Amino acid sequence: MATSMDQAAGWGMVGLAGAIFSYYTIWVIILPFVDVNQNIHKFFPPRMYAIAGPLIAGVVALVLIGSFVKYSTFKSKQKKSKTQ
């Protein structure tokens, strides 16, 4: 039973990732070639956010990863000094 639930969750995540990829691809690659007067433009935010969003997410991810590495290193050094 758990396997089918895991499978459903996996397919849901794959479907969500595919939808996000399709939306972003249309927004960044196809939309610049569509006339500005077309109604499709109302479904997408300004193109500036296509770069700013992933850039901010990447910086936040790097800060979190760096903080985790720093914390782990600090804890490791602290543990070694207690044992000696």
PDB file of N, CA and C in Angstrom:
ATOM      1  N   MET A   1       0.817  -1.201   0.000  1.00  0.00           N
ATOM      2  CA  MET A   1       0.000   0.000   0.000  1.00  0.00           C
ATOM      3  C   MET A   1       0.855   1.257   0.000  1.00  0.00           C
ATOM      4  N   ALA A   2       1.937   1.235   0.776  1.00  0.00           N
ATOM      5  CA  ALA A   2       2.799   2.415   0.846  1.00  0.00           C
ATOM      6  C   ALA A   2       3.478   2.680  -0.491  1.00  0.00           C
ATOM      7  N   THR A   3       3.749   1.615  -1.241  1.00  0.00           N
ATOM      8  CA  THR A   3       4.410   1.786  -2.520  1.00  0.00           C
ATOM      9  C   THR A   3       3.535   2.553  -3.495  1.00  0.00           C
ATOM     10  N   SER A   4       2.250   2.237  -3.536  1.00  0.00           N
ATOM     11  CA  SER A   4       1.373   2.952  -4.463  1.00  0.00           C
ATOM     12  C   SER A   4       1.210   4.419  -4.044  1.00  0.00           C
ATOM     13  N   MET A   5       1.223   4.680  -2.728  1.00  0.00           N
ATOM     14  CA  MET A   5       1.137   6.051  -2.242  1.00  0.00           C
ATOM     15  C   MET A   5       2.406   6.815  -2.595  1.00  0.00           C
ATOM     16  N   ASP A   6       3.569   6.159  -2.452  1.00  0.00           N
ATOM     17  CA  ASP A   6       4.835   6.776  -2.825  1.00  0.00           C
ATOM     18  C   ASP A   6       4.887   7.037  -4.325  1.00  0.00           C
ATOM     19  N   GLN A   7       4.353   6.107  -5.092  1.00  0.00           N
ATOM     20  CA  GLN A   7       4.327   6.254  -6.535  1.00  0.00           C
ATOM     21  C   GLN A   7       3.446   7.432  -6.939  1.00  0.00           C
ATOM     22  N   ALA A   8       2.301   7.561  -6.292  1.00  0.00           N
ATOM     23  CA  ALA A   8       1.398   8.670  -6.596  1.00  0.00           C
ATOM     24  C   ALA A   8       2.043  10.008  -6.244  1.00  0.00           C
ATOM     25  N   ALA A   9       2.731  10.051  -5.110  1.00  0.00           N
ATOM     26  CA  ALA A   9       3.422  11.280  -4.720  1.00  0.00           C
ATOM     27  C   ALA A   9       4.536  11.600  -5.715  1.00  0.00           C
ATOM     28  N   GLY A  10       5.253  10.585  -6.151  1.00  0.00           N
ATOM     29  CA  GLY A  10       6.319  10.786  -7.132  1.00  0.00           C
ATOM     30  C   GLY A  10       5.786  11.320  -8.445  1.00  0.00           C
ATOM     31  N   TRP A  11       4.705  10.702  -8.929  1.00  0.00           N
ATOM     32  CA  TRP A  11       4.110  11.190 -10.179  1.00  0.00           C
ATOM     33  C   TRP A  11       3.560  12.602 -10.020  1.00  0.00           C
ATOM     34  N   GLY A  12       3.032  12.917  -8.855  1.00  0.00           N
ATOM     35  CA  GLY A  12       2.558  14.272  -8.603  1.00  0.00           C
ATOM     36  C   GLY A  12       3.689  15.280  -8.661  1.00  0.00           C
ATOM     37  N   MET A  13       4.829  14.937  -8.059  1.00  0.00           N
ATOM     38  CA  MET A  13       5.984  15.842  -8.095  1.00  0.00           C
ATOM     39  C   MET A  13       6.537  15.985  -9.509  1.00  0.00           C
ATOM     40  N   VAL A  14       6.569  14.888 -10.259  1.00  0.00           N
ATOM     41  CA  VAL A  14       7.033  14.952 -11.646  1.00  0.00           C
ATOM     42  C   VAL A  14       6.095  15.824 -12.474  1.00  0.00           C
ATOM     43  N   GLY A  15       4.792  15.668 -12.262  1.00  0.00           N
ATOM     44  CA  GLY A  15       3.824  16.483 -12.983  1.00  0.00           C
ATOM     45  C   GLY A  15       3.951  17.965 -12.639  1.00  0.00           C
ATOM     46  N   LEU A  16       4.138  18.266 -11.364  1.00  0.00           N
ATOM     47  CA  LEU A  16       4.307  19.658 -10.940  1.00  0.00           C
ATOM     48  C   LEU A  16       5.576  20.253 -11.531  1.00  0.00           C
ATOM     49  N   ALA A  17       6.673  19.499 -11.499  1.00  0.00           N
ATOM     50  CA  ALA A  17       7.927  19.977 -12.078  1.00  0.00           C
ATOM     51  C   ALA A  17       7.780  20.206 -13.583  1.00  0.00           C
ATOM     52  N   GLY A  18       7.066  19.318 -14.256  1.00  0.00           N
ATOM     53  CA  GLY A  18       6.832  19.489 -15.693  1.00  0.00           C
ATOM     54  C   GLY A  18       5.994  20.718 -15.998  1.00  0.00           C
ATOM     55  N   ALA A  19       4.975  20.970 -15.178  1.00  0.00           N
ATOM     56  CA  ALA A  19       4.139  22.152 -15.377  1.00  0.00           C
ATOM     57  C   ALA A  19       4.932  23.432 -15.148  1.00  0.00           C
ATOM     58  N   ILE A  20       5.753  23.446 -14.094  1.00  0.00           N
ATOM     59  CA  ILE A  20       6.577  24.628 -13.814  1.00  0.00           C
ATOM     60  C   ILE A  20       7.586  24.844 -14.933  1.00  0.00           C
ATOM     61  N   PHE A  21       8.213  23.774 -15.411  1.00  0.00           N
ATOM     62  CA  PHE A  21       9.171  23.887 -16.503  1.00  0.00           C
ATOM     63  C   PHE A  21       8.500  24.421 -17.772  1.00  0.00           C
ATOM     64  N   SER A  22       7.315  23.915 -18.081  1.00  0.00           N
ATOM     65  CA  SER A  22       6.599  24.377 -19.274  1.00  0.00           C
ATOM     66  C   SER A  22       6.224  25.848 -19.163  1.00  0.00           C
ATOM     67  N   TYR A  23       5.711  26.257 -18.010  1.00  0.00           N
ATOM     68  CA  TYR A  23       5.317  27.652 -17.789  1.00  0.00           C
ATOM     69  C   TYR A  23       6.532  28.565 -17.936  1.00  0.00           C
ATOM     70  N   TYR A  24       7.649  28.197 -17.292  1.00  0.00           N
ATOM     71  CA  TYR A  24       8.850  29.033 -17.334  1.00  0.00           C
ATOM     72  C   TYR A  24       9.409  29.097 -18.758  1.00  0.00           C
ATOM     73  N   THR A  25       9.379  27.975 -19.473  1.00  0.00           N
ATOM     74  CA  THR A  25       9.876  27.954 -20.850  1.00  0.00           C
ATOM     75  C   THR A  25       9.048  28.864 -21.743  1.00  0.00           C
ATOM     76  N   ILE A  26       7.744  28.802 -21.624  1.00  0.00           N
ATOM     77  CA  ILE A  26       6.881  29.680 -22.416  1.00  0.00           C
ATOM     78  C   ILE A  26       7.148  31.135 -22.052  1.00  0.00           C
ATOM     79  N   TRP A  27       7.282  31.416 -20.767  1.00  0.00           N
ATOM     80  CA  TRP A  27       7.490  32.774 -20.266  1.00  0.00           C
ATOM     81  C   TRP A  27       8.798  33.377 -20.774  1.00  0.00           C
ATOM     82  N   VAL A  28       9.883  32.586 -20.733  1.00  0.00           N
ATOM     83  CA  VAL A  28      11.205  33.129 -21.028  1.00  0.00           C
ATOM     84  C   VAL A  28      11.581  32.998 -22.506  1.00  0.00           C
ATOM     85  N   ILE A  29      11.231  31.902 -23.145  1.00  0.00           N
ATOM     86  CA  ILE A  29      11.710  31.648 -24.500  1.00  0.00           C
ATOM     87  C   ILE A  29      10.695  32.033 -25.576  1.00  0.00           C
ATOM     88  N   ILE A  30       9.428  31.730 -25.356  1.00  0.00           N
ATOM     89  CA  ILE A  30       8.433  31.940 -26.414  1.00  0.00           C
ATOM     90  C   ILE A  30       7.787  33.316 -26.334  1.00  0.00           C
ATOM     91  N   LEU A  31       7.471  33.786 -25.132  1.00  0.00           N
ATOM     92  CA  LEU A  31       6.726  35.036 -24.963  1.00  0.00           C
ATOM     93  C   LEU A  31       7.400  36.270 -25.570  1.00  0.00           C
ATOM     94  N   PRO A  32       8.739  36.376 -25.561  1.00  0.00           N
ATOM     95  CA  PRO A  32       9.337  37.556 -26.193  1.00  0.00           C
ATOM     96  C   PRO A  32       9.041  37.683 -27.689  1.00  0.00           C
ATOM     97  N   PHE A  33       8.684  36.588 -28.337  1.00  0.00           N
ATOM     98  CA  PHE A  33       8.398  36.620 -29.763  1.00  0.00           C
ATOM     99  C   PHE A  33       6.914  36.840 -30.071  1.00  0.00           C
ATOM    100  N   VAL A  34       6.081  36.903 -29.036  1.00  0.00           N
ATOM    101  CA  VAL A  34       4.650  37.122 -29.203  1.00  0.00           C
ATOM    102  C   VAL A  34       4.374  38.616 -29.067  1.00  0.00           C
ATOM    103  N   ASP A  35       3.500  39.139 -29.904  1.00  0.00           N
ATOM    104  CA  ASP A  35       3.158  40.559 -29.887  1.00  0.00           C
ATOM    105  C   ASP A  35       2.620  40.964 -28.510  1.00  0.00           C
ATOM    106  N   VAL A  36       3.019  42.134 -28.047  1.00  0.00           N
ATOM    107  CA  VAL A  36       2.649  42.613 -26.715  1.00  0.00           C
ATOM    108  C   VAL A  36       1.140  42.795 -26.583  1.00  0.00           C
ATOM    109  N   ASN A  37       0.434  43.033 -27.671  1.00  0.00           N
ATOM    110  CA  ASN A  37      -1.013  43.254 -27.628  1.00  0.00           C
ATOM    111  C   ASN A  37      -1.815  41.966 -27.451  1.00  0.00           C
ATOM    112  N   GLN A  38      -1.172  40.817 -27.524  1.00  0.00           N
ATOM    113  CA  GLN A  38      -1.879  39.550 -27.377  1.00  0.00           C
ATOM    114  C   GLN A  38      -2.296  39.329 -25.922  1.00  0.00           C
ATOM    115  N   ASN A  39      -3.409  38.645 -25.717  1.00  0.00           N
ATOM    116  CA  ASN A  39      -3.944  38.417 -24.373  1.00  0.00           C
ATOM    117  C   ASN A  39      -3.118  37.445 -23.538  1.00  0.00           C
ATOM    118  N   ILE A  40      -2.250  36.675 -24.161  1.00  0.00           N
ATOM    119  CA  ILE A  40      -1.464  35.694 -23.410  1.00  0.00           C
ATOM    120  C   ILE A  40      -0.534  36.371 -22.407  1.00  0.00           C
ATOM    121  N   HIS A  41      -0.163  37.607 -22.654  1.00  0.00           N
ATOM    122  CA  HIS A  41       0.757  38.321 -21.762  1.00  0.00           C
ATOM    123  C   HIS A  41       0.159  38.568 -20.376  1.00  0.00           C
ATOM    124  N   LYS A  42      -1.162  38.541 -20.261  1.00  0.00           N
ATOM    125  CA  LYS A  42      -1.766  38.799 -18.952  1.00  0.00           C
ATOM    126  C   LYS A  42      -1.611  37.616 -17.989  1.00  0.00           C
ATOM    127  N   PHE A  43      -1.202  36.442 -18.487  1.00  0.00           N
ATOM    128  CA  PHE A  43      -1.010  35.263 -17.641  1.00  0.00           C
ATOM    129  C   PHE A  43       0.412  35.157 -17.078  1.00  0.00           C
ATOM    130  N   PHE A  44       1.278  36.090 -17.452  1.00  0.00           N
ATOM    131  CA  PHE A  44       2.680  36.033 -17.042  1.00  0.00           C
ATOM    132  C   PHE A  44       3.099  37.356 -16.412  1.00  0.00           C
ATOM    133  N   PRO A  45       3.923  37.292 -15.363  1.00  0.00           N
ATOM    134  CA  PRO A  45       4.447  38.527 -14.768  1.00  0.00           C
ATOM    135  C   PRO A  45       5.498  39.158 -15.688  1.00  0.00           C
ATOM    136  N   PRO A  46       5.964  40.350 -15.365  1.00  0.00           N
ATOM    137  CA  PRO A  46       7.018  40.970 -16.188  1.00  0.00           C
ATOM    138  C   PRO A  46       8.262  40.082 -16.270  1.00  0.00           C
ATOM    139  N   ARG A  47       8.974  40.177 -17.402  1.00  0.00           N
ATOM    140  CA  ARG A  47      10.126  39.312 -17.645  1.00  0.00           C
ATOM    141  C   ARG A  47      11.265  39.522 -16.656  1.00  0.00           C
ATOM    142  N   MET A  48      11.309  40.665 -16.001  1.00  0.00           N
ATOM    143  CA  MET A  48      12.352  40.917 -15.014  1.00  0.00           C
ATOM    144  C   MET A  48      12.339  39.844 -13.922  1.00  0.00           C
ATOM    145  N   TYR A  49      11.152  39.388 -13.549  1.00  0.00           N
ATOM    146  CA  TYR A  49      11.018  38.380 -12.503  1.00  0.00           C
ATOM    147  C   TYR A  49      11.490  37.003 -12.956  1.00  0.00           C
ATOM    148  N   ALA A  50      11.591  36.779 -14.255  1.00  0.00           N
ATOM    149  CA  ALA A  50      12.088  35.497 -14.761  1.00  0.00           C
ATOM    150  C   ALA A  50      13.560  35.315 -14.416  1.00  0.00           C
ATOM    151  N   ILE A  51      14.282  36.412 -14.264  1.00  0.00           N
ATOM    152  CA  ILE A  51      15.689  36.348 -13.876  1.00  0.00           C
ATOM    153  C   ILE A  51      15.839  36.567 -12.375  1.00  0.00           C
ATOM    154  N   ALA A  52      15.090  37.528 -11.829  1.00  0.00           N
ATOM    155  CA  ALA A  52      15.234  37.893 -10.408  1.00  0.00           C
ATOM    156  C   ALA A  52      14.811  36.753  -9.486  1.00  0.00           C
ATOM    157  N   GLY A  53      13.745  36.055  -9.802  1.00  0.00           N
ATOM    158  CA  GLY A  53      13.256  34.974  -8.943  1.00  0.00           C
ATOM    159  C   GLY A  53      14.272  33.854  -8.762  1.00  0.00           C
ATOM    160  N   PRO A  54      14.740  33.235  -9.848  1.00  0.00           N
ATOM    161  CA  PRO A  54      15.743  32.176  -9.702  1.00  0.00           C
ATOM    162  C   PRO A  54      17.062  32.681  -9.121  1.00  0.00           C
ATOM    163  N   LEU A  55      17.431  33.935  -9.415  1.00  0.00           N
ATOM    164  CA  LEU A  55      18.658  34.488  -8.864  1.00  0.00           C
ATOM    165  C   LEU A  55      18.570  34.605  -7.344  1.00  0.00           C
ATOM    166  N   ILE A  56      17.479  35.134  -6.850  1.00  0.00           N
ATOM    167  CA  ILE A  56      17.282  35.263  -5.403  1.00  0.00           C
ATOM    168  C   ILE A  56      17.214  33.876  -4.752  1.00  0.00           C
ATOM    169  N   ALA A  57      16.498  32.952  -5.385  1.00  0.00           N
ATOM    170  CA  ALA A  57      16.411  31.592  -4.840  1.00  0.00           C
ATOM    171  C   ALA A  57      17.787  30.935  -4.788  1.00  0.00           C
ATOM    172  N   GLY A  58      18.614  31.155  -5.798  1.00  0.00           N
ATOM    173  CA  GLY A  58      19.958  30.600  -5.816  1.00  0.00           C
ATOM    174  C   GLY A  58      20.839  31.180  -4.722  1.00  0.00           C
ATOM    175  N   VAL A  59      20.746  32.496  -4.512  1.00  0.00           N
ATOM    176  CA  VAL A  59      21.537  33.134  -3.456  1.00  0.00           C
ATOM    177  C   VAL A  59      21.105  32.615  -2.088  1.00  0.00           C
ATOM    178  N   VAL A  60      19.799  32.507  -1.876  1.00  0.00           N
ATOM    179  CA  VAL A  60      19.299  31.989  -0.591  1.00  0.00           C
ATOM    180  C   VAL A  60      19.766  30.547  -0.386  1.00  0.00           C
ATOM    181  N   ALA A  61      19.708  29.734  -1.437  1.00  0.00           N
ATOM    182  CA  ALA A  61      20.159  28.346  -1.329  1.00  0.00           C
ATOM    183  C   ALA A  61      21.647  28.270  -0.992  1.00  0.00           C
ATOM    184  N   LEU A  62      22.465  29.107  -1.643  1.00  0.00           N
ATOM    185  CA  LEU A  62      23.897  29.109  -1.356  1.00  0.00           C
ATOM    186  C   LEU A  62      24.189  29.558   0.073  1.00  0.00           C
ATOM    187  N   VAL A  63      23.448  30.542   0.560  1.00  0.00           N
ATOM    188  CA  VAL A  63      23.630  30.996   1.944  1.00  0.00           C
ATOM    189  C   VAL A  63      23.256  29.884   2.917  1.00  0.00           C
ATOM    190  N   LEU A  64      22.150  29.194   2.653  1.00  0.00           N
ATOM    191  CA  LEU A  64      21.746  28.101   3.537  1.00  0.00           C
ATOM    192  C   LEU A  64      22.751  26.956   3.520  1.00  0.00           C
ATOM    193  N   ILE A  65      23.249  26.603   2.356  1.00  0.00           N
ATOM    194  CA  ILE A  65      24.243  25.535   2.254  1.00  0.00           C
ATOM    195  C   ILE A  65      25.532  25.950   2.963  1.00  0.00           C
ATOM    196  N   GLY A  66      25.974  27.180   2.750  1.00  0.00           N
ATOM    197  CA  GLY A  66      27.171  27.673   3.414  1.00  0.00           C
ATOM    198  C   GLY A  66      27.012  27.697   4.923  1.00  0.00           C
ATOM    199  N   SER A  67      25.845  28.105   5.395  1.00  0.00           N
ATOM    200  CA  SER A  67      25.589  28.131   6.838  1.00  0.00           C
ATOM    201  C   SER A  67      25.622  26.721   7.417  1.00  0.00           C
ATOM    202  N   PHE A  68      25.046  25.766   6.714  1.00  0.00           N
ATOM    203  CA  PHE A  68      25.056  24.379   7.176  1.00  0.00           C
ATOM    204  C   PHE A  68      26.480  23.829   7.249  1.00  0.00           C
ATOM    205  N   VAL A  69      27.282  24.104   6.225  1.00  0.00           N
ATOM    206  CA  VAL A  69      28.670  23.628   6.211  1.00  0.00           C
ATOM    207  C   VAL A  69      29.455  24.268   7.356  1.00  0.00           C
ATOM    208  N   LYS A  70      29.278  25.561   7.552  1.00  0.00           N
ATOM    209  CA  LYS A  70      29.967  26.265   8.639  1.00  0.00           C
ATOM    210  C   LYS A  70      29.557  25.701  10.001  1.00  0.00           C
ATOM    211  N   TYR A  71      28.271  25.479  10.193  1.00  0.00           N
ATOM    212  CA  TYR A  71      27.765  24.915  11.448  1.00  0.00           C
ATOM    213  C   TYR A  71      28.324  23.513  11.683  1.00  0.00           C
ATOM    214  N   SER A  72      28.321  22.689  10.647  1.00  0.00           N
ATOM    215  CA  SER A  72      28.836  21.323  10.774  1.00  0.00           C
ATOM    216  C   SER A  72      30.327  21.328  11.088  1.00  0.00           C
ATOM    217  N   THR A  73      31.067  22.187  10.443  1.00  0.00           N
ATOM    218  CA  THR A  73      32.506  22.277  10.693  1.00  0.00           C
ATOM    219  C   THR A  73      32.770  22.739  12.119  1.00  0.00           C
ATOM    220  N   PHE A  74      32.027  23.726  12.569  1.00  0.00           N
ATOM    221  CA  PHE A  74      32.192  24.248  13.922  1.00  0.00           C
ATOM    222  C   PHE A  74      31.891  23.170  14.960  1.00  0.00           C
ATOM    223  N   LYS A  75      30.786  22.430  14.755  1.00  0.00           N
ATOM    224  CA  LYS A  75      30.413  21.373  15.689  1.00  0.00           C
ATOM    225  C   LYS A  75      31.460  20.260  15.697  1.00  0.00           C
ATOM    226  N   SER A  76      32.011  19.938  14.546  1.00  0.00           N
ATOM    227  CA  SER A  76      33.030  18.887  14.445  1.00  0.00           C
ATOM    228  C   SER A  76      34.289  19.297  15.203  1.00  0.00           C
ATOM    229  N   LYS A  77      34.715  20.539  15.020  1.00  0.00           N
ATOM    230  CA  LYS A  77      35.920  21.011  15.710  1.00  0.00           C
ATOM    231  C   LYS A  77      35.672  21.082  17.221  1.00  0.00           C
ATOM    232  N   GLN A  78      34.495  21.482  17.611  1.00  0.00           N
ATOM    233  CA  GLN A  78      34.151  21.573  19.034  1.00  0.00           C
ATOM    234  C   GLN A  78      34.144  20.180  19.673  1.00  0.00           C
ATOM    235  N   LYS A  79      33.642  19.198  18.942  1.00  0.00           N
ATOM    236  CA  LYS A  79      33.580  17.815  19.441  1.00  0.00           C
ATOM    237  C   LYS A  79      34.987  17.245  19.589  1.00  0.00           C
ATOM    238  N   LYS A  80      35.879  17.552  18.627  1.00  0.00           N
ATOM    239  CA  LYS A  80      37.261  17.051  18.702  1.00  0.00           C
ATOM    240  C   LYS A  80      38.001  17.656  19.875  1.00  0.00           C
ATOM    241  N   SER A  81      37.776  18.939  20.154  1.00  0.00           N
ATOM    242  CA  SER A  81      38.485  19.578  21.249  1.00  0.00           C
ATOM    243  C   SER A  81      38.029  19.048  22.608  1.00  0.00           C
ATOM    244  N   LYS A  82      36.794  18.615  22.741  1.00  0.00           N
ATOM    245  CA  LYS A  82      36.296  18.051  23.999  1.00  0.00           C
ATOM    246  C   LYS A  82      36.895  16.674  24.279  1.00  0.00           C
ATOM    247  N   THR A  83      37.147  15.902  23.221  1.00  0.00           N
ATOM    248  CA  THR A  83      37.670  14.550  23.411  1.00  0.00           C
ATOM    249  C   THR A  83      39.163  14.560  23.699  1.00  0.00           C
ATOM    250  N   GLN A  84      39.858  15.601  23.367  1.00  0.00           N
ATOM    251  CA  GLN A  84      41.310  15.640  23.594  1.00  0.00           C
ATOM    252  C   GLN A  84      41.672  16.169  24.932  1.00  0.00           C
TER     253      GLN A  84
END
